[in-house]
């Protein structure tokens, strides 16, 4: 039979200023709407519906607020953000290797 896909994560650290790459909040919101439509079509006849998890990046209040305004309700199932309480890993490892 195989495994069920529990969720789909949309991007990794593309929100706000990002790291090396970023997507504007209006475009990201529109992309999530489109992705949700694609997932709805793909899983239309399935009893199981995977969750849409986003954005998975650094928290910036304005960016997150705007994302929820652009995407609207019912698009993102799980809102995520990353925390790095110890700071960037590279600064910790610098000079150790």
PDB file of N, CA and C in Angstrom:
ATOM      1  N   UNK A   1       0.818  -1.192   0.000  1.00  0.00           N
ATOM      2  CA  UNK A   1       0.000   0.000   0.000  1.00  0.00           C
ATOM      3  C   UNK A   1       0.862   1.257   0.000  1.00  0.00           C
ATOM      4  N   UNK A   2       1.738   1.428   0.954  1.00  0.00           N
ATOM      5  CA  UNK A   2       2.552   2.638   1.002  1.00  0.00           C
ATOM      6  C   UNK A   2       2.181   3.534   2.160  1.00  0.00           C
ATOM      7  N   UNK A   3       2.833   4.663   2.209  1.00  0.00           N
ATOM      8  CA  UNK A   3       2.632   5.615   3.289  1.00  0.00           C
ATOM      9  C   UNK A   3       1.770   6.778   2.820  1.00  0.00           C
ATOM     10  N   UNK A   4       1.027   7.341   3.761  1.00  0.00           N
ATOM     11  CA  UNK A   4       0.241   8.538   3.469  1.00  0.00           C
ATOM     12  C   UNK A   4       1.114   9.768   3.679  1.00  0.00           C
ATOM     13  N   UNK A   5       0.953  10.745   2.835  1.00  0.00           N
ATOM     14  CA  UNK A   5       1.661  12.021   2.982  1.00  0.00           C
ATOM     15  C   UNK A   5       0.874  12.860   3.978  1.00  0.00           C
ATOM     16  N   UNK A   6       1.420  13.072   5.173  1.00  0.00           N
ATOM     17  CA  UNK A   6       0.701  13.774   6.231  1.00  0.00           C
ATOM     18  C   UNK A   6       0.577  15.266   5.959  1.00  0.00           C
ATOM     19  N   UNK A   7       1.607  15.844   5.361  1.00  0.00           N
ATOM     20  CA  UNK A   7       1.559  17.281   5.101  1.00  0.00           C
ATOM     21  C   UNK A   7       2.514  17.653   3.981  1.00  0.00           C
ATOM     22  N   UNK A   8       2.328  18.850   3.488  1.00  0.00           N
ATOM     23  CA  UNK A   8       3.225  19.445   2.505  1.00  0.00           C
ATOM     24  C   UNK A   8       3.717  20.757   3.082  1.00  0.00           C
ATOM     25  N   UNK A   9       5.031  20.906   3.169  1.00  0.00           N
ATOM     26  CA  UNK A   9       5.639  22.141   3.638  1.00  0.00           C
ATOM     27  C   UNK A   9       5.977  23.026   2.458  1.00  0.00           C
ATOM     28  N   UNK A  10       5.606  24.281   2.552  1.00  0.00           N
ATOM     29  CA  UNK A  10       5.813  25.221   1.441  1.00  0.00           C
ATOM     30  C   UNK A  10       7.006  26.121   1.725  1.00  0.00           C
ATOM     31  N   UNK A  11       8.164  25.715   1.236  1.00  0.00           N
ATOM     32  CA  UNK A  11       9.350  26.553   1.382  1.00  0.00           C
ATOM     33  C   UNK A  11      10.073  26.329   2.690  1.00  0.00           C
ATOM     34  N   UNK A  12      11.262  26.855   2.761  1.00  0.00           N
ATOM     35  CA  UNK A  12      12.071  26.787   3.970  1.00  0.00           C
ATOM     36  C   UNK A  12      12.885  28.074   4.060  1.00  0.00           C
ATOM     37  N   UNK A  13      12.520  28.888   5.030  1.00  0.00           N
ATOM     38  CA  UNK A  13      13.204  30.154   5.291  1.00  0.00           C
ATOM     39  C   UNK A  13      13.191  31.088   4.083  1.00  0.00           C
ATOM     40  N   UNK A  14      12.046  31.150   3.433  1.00  0.00           N
ATOM     41  CA  UNK A  14      11.851  32.085   2.315  1.00  0.00           C
ATOM     42  C   UNK A  14      11.095  33.333   2.751  1.00  0.00           C
ATOM     43  N   UNK A  15      10.624  33.355   3.989  1.00  0.00           N
ATOM     44  CA  UNK A  15       9.823  34.477   4.475  1.00  0.00           C
ATOM     45  C   UNK A  15      10.698  35.651   4.887  1.00  0.00           C
ATOM     46  N   UNK A  16      10.102  36.825   4.903  1.00  0.00           N
ATOM     47  CA  UNK A  16      10.822  38.019   5.331  1.00  0.00           C
ATOM     48  C   UNK A  16      12.087  38.247   4.534  1.00  0.00           C
ATOM     49  N   UNK A  17      13.180  38.451   5.240  1.00  0.00           N
ATOM     50  CA  UNK A  17      14.466  38.687   4.573  1.00  0.00           C
ATOM     51  C   UNK A  17      15.096  37.394   4.066  1.00  0.00           C
ATOM     52  N   UNK A  18      14.659  36.247   4.607  1.00  0.00           N
ATOM     53  CA  UNK A  18      15.177  34.959   4.155  1.00  0.00           C
ATOM     54  C   UNK A  18      16.666  34.807   4.401  1.00  0.00           C
ATOM     55  N   UNK A  19      17.196  33.689   3.939  1.00  0.00           N
ATOM     56  CA  UNK A  19      18.639  33.436   4.017  1.00  0.00           C
ATOM     57  C   UNK A  19      19.081  33.105   2.608  1.00  0.00           C
ATOM     58  N   UNK A  20      19.671  34.053   1.933  1.00  0.00           N
ATOM     59  CA  UNK A  20      20.128  33.820   0.571  1.00  0.00           C
ATOM     60  C   UNK A  20      19.035  33.938  -0.466  1.00  0.00           C
ATOM     61  N   UNK A  21      17.795  33.677  -0.088  1.00  0.00           N
ATOM     62  CA  UNK A  21      16.662  33.776  -1.013  1.00  0.00           C
ATOM     63  C   UNK A  21      15.426  34.149  -0.214  1.00  0.00           C
ATOM     64  N   UNK A  22      14.528  34.857  -0.835  1.00  0.00           N
ATOM     65  CA  UNK A  22      13.262  35.183  -0.184  1.00  0.00           C
ATOM     66  C   UNK A  22      12.195  35.376  -1.248  1.00  0.00           C
ATOM     67  N   UNK A  23      10.956  35.267  -0.816  1.00  0.00           N
ATOM     68  CA  UNK A  23       9.809  35.479  -1.697  1.00  0.00           C
ATOM     69  C   UNK A  23       8.964  36.567  -1.054  1.00  0.00           C
ATOM     70  N   UNK A  24       8.540  37.531  -1.841  1.00  0.00           N
ATOM     71  CA  UNK A  24       7.678  38.588  -1.325  1.00  0.00           C
ATOM     72  C   UNK A  24       6.399  38.011  -0.755  1.00  0.00           C
ATOM     73  N   UNK A  25       5.880  38.653   0.262  1.00  0.00           N
ATOM     74  CA  UNK A  25       4.729  38.110   0.978  1.00  0.00           C
ATOM     75  C   UNK A  25       3.493  37.982   0.088  1.00  0.00           C
ATOM     76  N   UNK A  26       3.234  38.934  -0.794  1.00  0.00           N
ATOM     77  CA  UNK A  26       2.061  38.845  -1.673  1.00  0.00           C
ATOM     78  C   UNK A  26       2.185  37.645  -2.611  1.00  0.00           C
ATOM     79  N   UNK A  27       3.365  37.458  -3.193  1.00  0.00           N
ATOM     80  CA  UNK A  27       3.577  36.312  -4.088  1.00  0.00           C
ATOM     81  C   UNK A  27       3.481  34.998  -3.326  1.00  0.00           C
ATOM     82  N   UNK A  28       4.061  34.959  -2.137  1.00  0.00           N
ATOM     83  CA  UNK A  28       4.039  33.739  -1.323  1.00  0.00           C
ATOM     84  C   UNK A  28       2.601  33.361  -0.983  1.00  0.00           C
ATOM     85  N   UNK A  29       1.795  34.349  -0.596  1.00  0.00           N
ATOM     86  CA  UNK A  29       0.387  34.091  -0.285  1.00  0.00           C
ATOM     87  C   UNK A  29      -0.369  33.551  -1.484  1.00  0.00           C
ATOM     88  N   UNK A  30      -0.152  34.144  -2.656  1.00  0.00           N
ATOM     89  CA  UNK A  30      -0.801  33.670  -3.885  1.00  0.00           C
ATOM     90  C   UNK A  30      -0.342  32.258  -4.231  1.00  0.00           C
ATOM     91  N   UNK A  31       0.943  31.981  -4.035  1.00  0.00           N
ATOM     92  CA  UNK A  31       1.473  30.643  -4.306  1.00  0.00           C
ATOM     93  C   UNK A  31       0.835  29.600  -3.386  1.00  0.00           C
ATOM     94  N   UNK A  32       0.601  29.962  -2.128  1.00  0.00           N
ATOM     95  CA  UNK A  32      -0.042  29.035  -1.199  1.00  0.00           C
ATOM     96  C   UNK A  32      -1.471  28.731  -1.623  1.00  0.00           C
ATOM     97  N   UNK A  33      -2.174  29.749  -2.092  1.00  0.00           N
ATOM     98  CA  UNK A  33      -3.541  29.534  -2.582  1.00  0.00           C
ATOM     99  C   UNK A  33      -3.525  28.544  -3.742  1.00  0.00           C
ATOM    100  N   UNK A  34      -2.609  28.736  -4.671  1.00  0.00           N
ATOM    101  CA  UNK A  34      -2.497  27.841  -5.831  1.00  0.00           C
ATOM    102  C   UNK A  34      -2.114  26.429  -5.390  1.00  0.00           C
ATOM    103  N   UNK A  35      -1.156  26.315  -4.472  1.00  0.00           N
ATOM    104  CA  UNK A  35      -0.746  25.002  -3.981  1.00  0.00           C
ATOM    105  C   UNK A  35      -1.915  24.289  -3.307  1.00  0.00           C
ATOM    106  N   UNK A  36      -2.694  25.013  -2.526  1.00  0.00           N
ATOM    107  CA  UNK A  36      -3.861  24.419  -1.860  1.00  0.00           C
ATOM    108  C   UNK A  36      -4.857  23.904  -2.901  1.00  0.00           C
ATOM    109  N   UNK A  37      -5.051  24.659  -3.990  1.00  0.00           N
ATOM    110  CA  UNK A  37      -5.939  24.220  -5.070  1.00  0.00           C
ATOM    111  C   UNK A  37      -5.409  22.938  -5.713  1.00  0.00           C
ATOM    112  N   UNK A  38      -4.107  22.879  -5.948  1.00  0.00           N
ATOM    113  CA  UNK A  38      -3.491  21.688  -6.541  1.00  0.00           C
ATOM    114  C   UNK A  38      -3.670  20.482  -5.620  1.00  0.00           C
ATOM    115  N   UNK A  39      -3.413  20.665  -4.329  1.00  0.00           N
ATOM    116  CA  UNK A  39      -3.575  19.571  -3.372  1.00  0.00           C
ATOM    117  C   UNK A  39      -5.026  19.109  -3.300  1.00  0.00           C
ATOM    118  N   UNK A  40      -5.953  20.047  -3.334  1.00  0.00           N
ATOM    119  CA  UNK A  40      -7.379  19.696  -3.309  1.00  0.00           C
ATOM    120  C   UNK A  40      -7.752  18.855  -4.520  1.00  0.00           C
ATOM    121  N   UNK A  41      -7.206  19.205  -5.677  1.00  0.00           N
ATOM    122  CA  UNK A  41      -7.467  18.438  -6.897  1.00  0.00           C
ATOM    123  C   UNK A  41      -6.835  17.048  -6.815  1.00  0.00           C
ATOM    124  N   UNK A  42      -5.580  16.988  -6.387  1.00  0.00           N
ATOM    125  CA  UNK A  42      -4.874  15.709  -6.298  1.00  0.00           C
ATOM    126  C   UNK A  42      -5.525  14.741  -5.312  1.00  0.00           C
ATOM    127  N   UNK A  43      -6.040  15.267  -4.217  1.00  0.00           N
ATOM    128  CA  UNK A  43      -6.612  14.432  -3.165  1.00  0.00           C
ATOM    129  C   UNK A  43      -8.138  14.497  -3.143  1.00  0.00           C
ATOM    130  N   UNK A  44      -8.734  14.901  -4.241  1.00  0.00           N
ATOM    131  CA  UNK A  44     -10.188  15.083  -4.320  1.00  0.00           C
ATOM    132  C   UNK A  44     -10.955  13.814  -3.940  1.00  0.00           C
ATOM    133  N   UNK A  45     -10.529  12.674  -4.435  1.00  0.00           N
ATOM    134  CA  UNK A  45     -11.258  11.427  -4.172  1.00  0.00           C
ATOM    135  C   UNK A  45     -10.695  10.649  -2.980  1.00  0.00           C
ATOM    136  N   UNK A  46      -9.742  11.217  -2.290  1.00  0.00           N
ATOM    137  CA  UNK A  46      -9.125  10.552  -1.143  1.00  0.00           C
ATOM    138  C   UNK A  46      -9.840  10.923   0.151  1.00  0.00           C
ATOM    139  N   UNK A  47      -9.967   9.954   1.041  1.00  0.00           N
ATOM    140  CA  UNK A  47     -10.541  10.233   2.362  1.00  0.00           C
ATOM    141  C   UNK A  47      -9.552  11.029   3.209  1.00  0.00           C
ATOM    142  N   UNK A  48      -8.280  10.830   2.927  1.00  0.00           N
ATOM    143  CA  UNK A  48      -7.218  11.501   3.668  1.00  0.00           C
ATOM    144  C   UNK A  48      -6.791  12.762   2.926  1.00  0.00           C
ATOM    145  N   UNK A  49      -6.747  13.876   3.617  1.00  0.00           N
ATOM    146  CA  UNK A  49      -6.310  15.152   3.033  1.00  0.00           C
ATOM    147  C   UNK A  49      -5.082  15.650   3.798  1.00  0.00           C
ATOM    148  N   UNK A  50      -3.945  15.787   3.131  1.00  0.00           N
ATOM    149  CA  UNK A  50      -2.747  16.275   3.819  1.00  0.00           C
ATOM    150  C   UNK A  50      -2.871  17.753   4.193  1.00  0.00           C
ATOM    151  N   UNK A  51      -2.175  18.131   5.237  1.00  0.00           N
ATOM    152  CA  UNK A  51      -2.160  19.524   5.694  1.00  0.00           C
ATOM    153  C   UNK A  51      -1.154  20.336   4.889  1.00  0.00           C
ATOM    154  N   UNK A  52      -1.411  21.627   4.793  1.00  0.00           N
ATOM    155  CA  UNK A  52      -0.463  22.562   4.186  1.00  0.00           C
ATOM    156  C   UNK A  52       0.230  23.308   5.324  1.00  0.00           C
ATOM    157  N   UNK A  53       1.545  23.151   5.406  1.00  0.00           N
ATOM    158  CA  UNK A  53       2.357  23.721   6.477  1.00  0.00           C
ATOM    159  C   UNK A  53       3.231  24.823   5.886  1.00  0.00           C
ATOM    160  N   UNK A  54       3.174  26.008   6.472  1.00  0.00           N
ATOM    161  CA  UNK A  54       3.944  27.139   5.937  1.00  0.00           C
ATOM    162  C   UNK A  54       4.050  28.230   6.997  1.00  0.00           C
ATOM    163  N   UNK A  55       4.944  29.178   6.896  1.00  0.00           N
ATOM    164  CA  UNK A  55       5.982  29.298   5.906  1.00  0.00           C
ATOM    165  C   UNK A  55       7.307  28.662   6.306  1.00  0.00           C
ATOM    166  N   UNK A  56       7.500  28.346   7.585  1.00  0.00           N
ATOM    167  CA  UNK A  56       8.760  27.713   7.980  1.00  0.00           C
ATOM    168  C   UNK A  56       9.958  28.627   7.815  1.00  0.00           C
ATOM    169  N   UNK A  57       9.887  29.794   8.401  1.00  0.00           N
ATOM    170  CA  UNK A  57      10.984  30.746   8.296  1.00  0.00           C
ATOM    171  C   UNK A  57      11.109  31.564   9.564  1.00  0.00           C
ATOM    172  N   UNK A  58      11.950  32.573   9.506  1.00  0.00           N
ATOM    173  CA  UNK A  58      12.123  33.462  10.649  1.00  0.00           C
ATOM    174  C   UNK A  58      10.874  34.315  10.830  1.00  0.00           C
ATOM    175  N   UNK A  59      10.475  34.509  12.074  1.00  0.00           N
ATOM    176  CA  UNK A  59       9.264  35.267  12.360  1.00  0.00           C
ATOM    177  C   UNK A  59       9.511  36.761  12.205  1.00  0.00           C
ATOM    178  N   UNK A  60       8.743  37.372  11.341  1.00  0.00           N
ATOM    179  CA  UNK A  60       8.692  38.827  11.201  1.00  0.00           C
ATOM    180  C   UNK A  60       7.217  39.189  11.236  1.00  0.00           C
ATOM    181  N   UNK A  61       6.826  39.891  12.276  1.00  0.00           N
ATOM    182  CA  UNK A  61       5.415  40.168  12.550  1.00  0.00           C
ATOM    183  C   UNK A  61       4.664  40.664  11.326  1.00  0.00           C
ATOM    184  N   UNK A  62       5.130  41.702  10.678  1.00  0.00           N
ATOM    185  CA  UNK A  62       4.422  42.266   9.526  1.00  0.00           C
ATOM    186  C   UNK A  62       4.255  41.221   8.430  1.00  0.00           C
ATOM    187  N   UNK A  63       5.326  40.489   8.128  1.00  0.00           N
ATOM    188  CA  UNK A  63       5.300  39.514   7.035  1.00  0.00           C
ATOM    189  C   UNK A  63       4.261  38.435   7.314  1.00  0.00           C
ATOM    190  N   UNK A  64       4.235  37.910   8.543  1.00  0.00           N
ATOM    191  CA  UNK A  64       3.269  36.868   8.903  1.00  0.00           C
ATOM    192  C   UNK A  64       1.837  37.398   8.866  1.00  0.00           C
ATOM    193  N   UNK A  65       1.626  38.593   9.396  1.00  0.00           N
ATOM    194  CA  UNK A  65       0.284  39.185   9.364  1.00  0.00           C
ATOM    195  C   UNK A  65      -0.195  39.353   7.930  1.00  0.00           C
ATOM    196  N   UNK A  66       0.673  39.877   7.104  1.00  0.00           N
ATOM    197  CA  UNK A  66       0.330  40.112   5.692  1.00  0.00           C
ATOM    198  C   UNK A  66       0.072  38.791   4.966  1.00  0.00           C
ATOM    199  N   UNK A  67       0.859  37.769   5.263  1.00  0.00           N
ATOM    200  CA  UNK A  67       0.654  36.455   4.643  1.00  0.00           C
ATOM    201  C   UNK A  67      -0.750  35.935   4.925  1.00  0.00           C
ATOM    202  N   UNK A  68      -1.184  36.042   6.165  1.00  0.00           N
ATOM    203  CA  UNK A  68      -2.520  35.560   6.518  1.00  0.00           C
ATOM    204  C   UNK A  68      -3.607  36.398   5.858  1.00  0.00           C
ATOM    205  N   UNK A  69      -3.356  37.682   5.664  1.00  0.00           N
ATOM    206  CA  UNK A  69      -4.318  38.533   4.958  1.00  0.00           C
ATOM    207  C   UNK A  69      -4.408  38.143   3.489  1.00  0.00           C
ATOM    208  N   UNK A  70      -3.269  37.928   2.852  1.00  0.00           N
ATOM    209  CA  UNK A  70      -3.232  37.609   1.416  1.00  0.00           C
ATOM    210  C   UNK A  70      -3.815  36.228   1.149  1.00  0.00           C
ATOM    211  N   UNK A  71      -3.407  35.235   1.930  1.00  0.00           N
ATOM    212  CA  UNK A  71      -3.863  33.864   1.671  1.00  0.00           C
ATOM    213  C   UNK A  71      -5.311  33.657   2.094  1.00  0.00           C
ATOM    214  N   UNK A  72      -5.741  34.352   3.125  1.00  0.00           N
ATOM    215  CA  UNK A  72      -7.110  34.185   3.609  1.00  0.00           C
ATOM    216  C   UNK A  72      -7.248  32.942   4.475  1.00  0.00           C
ATOM    217  N   UNK A  73      -8.447  32.736   4.985  1.00  0.00           N
ATOM    218  CA  UNK A  73      -8.674  31.599   5.881  1.00  0.00           C
ATOM    219  C   UNK A  73      -8.823  30.300   5.091  1.00  0.00           C
ATOM    220  N   UNK A  74      -8.493  29.203   5.746  1.00  0.00           N
ATOM    221  CA  UNK A  74      -8.665  27.895   5.140  1.00  0.00           C
ATOM    222  C   UNK A  74      -7.564  27.457   4.194  1.00  0.00           C
ATOM    223  N   UNK A  75      -6.509  28.227   4.076  1.00  0.00           N
ATOM    224  CA  UNK A  75      -5.412  27.853   3.171  1.00  0.00           C
ATOM    225  C   UNK A  75      -4.301  27.150   3.955  1.00  0.00           C
ATOM    226  N   UNK A  76      -3.725  27.818   4.931  1.00  0.00           N
ATOM    227  CA  UNK A  76      -2.654  27.239   5.744  1.00  0.00           C
ATOM    228  C   UNK A  76      -3.289  26.461   6.895  1.00  0.00           C
ATOM    229  N   UNK A  77      -2.918  25.183   7.032  1.00  0.00           N
ATOM    230  CA  UNK A  77      -3.421  24.374   8.142  1.00  0.00           C
ATOM    231  C   UNK A  77      -2.547  24.505   9.383  1.00  0.00           C
ATOM    232  N   UNK A  78      -1.240  24.645   9.168  1.00  0.00           N
ATOM    233  CA  UNK A  78      -0.296  24.765  10.278  1.00  0.00           C
ATOM    234  C   UNK A  78       0.662  25.908   9.968  1.00  0.00           C
ATOM    235  N   UNK A  79       0.649  26.931  10.815  1.00  0.00           N
ATOM    236  CA  UNK A  79       1.532  28.086  10.651  1.00  0.00           C
ATOM    237  C   UNK A  79       2.805  27.823  11.451  1.00  0.00           C
ATOM    238  N   UNK A  80       3.956  27.890  10.789  1.00  0.00           N
ATOM    239  CA  UNK A  80       5.210  27.548  11.454  1.00  0.00           C
ATOM    240  C   UNK A  80       6.222  28.685  11.354  1.00  0.00           C
ATOM    241  N   UNK A  81       7.162  28.679  12.291  1.00  0.00           N
ATOM    242  CA  UNK A  81       8.307  29.584  12.203  1.00  0.00           C
ATOM    243  C   UNK A  81       9.490  28.920  12.888  1.00  0.00           C
ATOM    244  N   UNK A  82      10.669  29.385  12.599  1.00  0.00           N
ATOM    245  CA  UNK A  82      11.893  28.806  13.145  1.00  0.00           C
ATOM    246  C   UNK A  82      12.442  29.669  14.274  1.00  0.00           C
ATOM    247  N   UNK A  83      12.932  29.008  15.296  1.00  0.00           N
ATOM    248  CA  UNK A  83      13.587  29.677  16.421  1.00  0.00           C
ATOM    249  C   UNK A  83      15.023  29.184  16.519  1.00  0.00           C
ATOM    250  N   UNK A  84      15.921  30.093  16.713  1.00  0.00           N
ATOM    251  CA  UNK A  84      17.322  29.743  16.923  1.00  0.00           C
ATOM    252  C   UNK A  84      17.782  30.454  18.190  1.00  0.00           C
ATOM    253  N   UNK A  85      17.432  29.879  19.325  1.00  0.00           N
ATOM    254  CA  UNK A  85      17.729  30.511  20.607  1.00  0.00           C
ATOM    255  C   UNK A  85      19.217  30.670  20.878  1.00  0.00           C
ATOM    256  N   UNK A  86      20.027  29.838  20.263  1.00  0.00           N
ATOM    257  CA  UNK A  86      21.472  29.914  20.478  1.00  0.00           C
ATOM    258  C   UNK A  86      22.167  30.744  19.417  1.00  0.00           C
ATOM    259  N   UNK A  87      21.414  31.302  18.485  1.00  0.00           N
ATOM    260  CA  UNK A  87      22.003  32.082  17.408  1.00  0.00           C
ATOM    261  C   UNK A  87      22.400  31.185  16.249  1.00  0.00           C
ATOM    262  N   UNK A  88      23.036  31.756  15.252  1.00  0.00           N
ATOM    263  CA  UNK A  88      23.447  30.980  14.085  1.00  0.00           C
ATOM    264  C   UNK A  88      24.479  29.910  14.452  1.00  0.00           C
ATOM    265  N   UNK A  89      24.308  28.734  13.924  1.00  0.00           N
ATOM    266  CA  UNK A  89      25.208  27.617  14.208  1.00  0.00           C
ATOM    267  C   UNK A  89      26.629  27.920  13.758  1.00  0.00           C
ATOM    268  N   UNK A  90      26.782  28.584  12.639  1.00  0.00           N
ATOM    269  CA  UNK A  90      28.128  28.843  12.118  1.00  0.00           C
ATOM    270  C   UNK A  90      28.982  29.643  13.099  1.00  0.00           C
ATOM    271  N   UNK A  91      28.382  30.571  13.827  1.00  0.00           N
ATOM    272  CA  UNK A  91      29.165  31.354  14.786  1.00  0.00           C
ATOM    273  C   UNK A  91      29.622  30.491  15.962  1.00  0.00           C
ATOM    274  N   UNK A  92      28.870  29.462  16.286  1.00  0.00           N
ATOM    275  CA  UNK A  92      29.238  28.551  17.374  1.00  0.00           C
ATOM    276  C   UNK A  92      30.368  27.624  16.933  1.00  0.00           C
ATOM    277  N   UNK A  93      30.301  27.163  15.683  1.00  0.00           N
ATOM    278  CA  UNK A  93      31.275  26.189  15.180  1.00  0.00           C
ATOM    279  C   UNK A  93      32.547  26.819  14.624  1.00  0.00           C
ATOM    280  N   UNK A  94      32.524  28.112  14.390  1.00  0.00           N
ATOM    281  CA  UNK A  94      33.661  28.785  13.766  1.00  0.00           C
ATOM    282  C   UNK A  94      34.948  28.523  14.553  1.00  0.00           C
ATOM    283  N   UNK A  95      35.969  28.085  13.839  1.00  0.00           N
ATOM    284  CA  UNK A  95      37.263  27.838  14.449  1.00  0.00           C
ATOM    285  C   UNK A  95      37.416  26.477  15.103  1.00  0.00           C
ATOM    286  N   UNK A  96      36.360  25.679  15.131  1.00  0.00           N
ATOM    287  CA  UNK A  96      36.439  24.359  15.760  1.00  0.00           C
ATOM    288  C   UNK A  96      36.856  23.268  14.786  1.00  0.00           C
ATOM    289  N   UNK A  97      36.770  23.542  13.506  1.00  0.00           N
ATOM    290  CA  UNK A  97      37.087  22.505  12.508  1.00  0.00           C
ATOM    291  C   UNK A  97      38.133  22.990  11.549  1.00  0.00           C
TER     292      UNK A  97
END
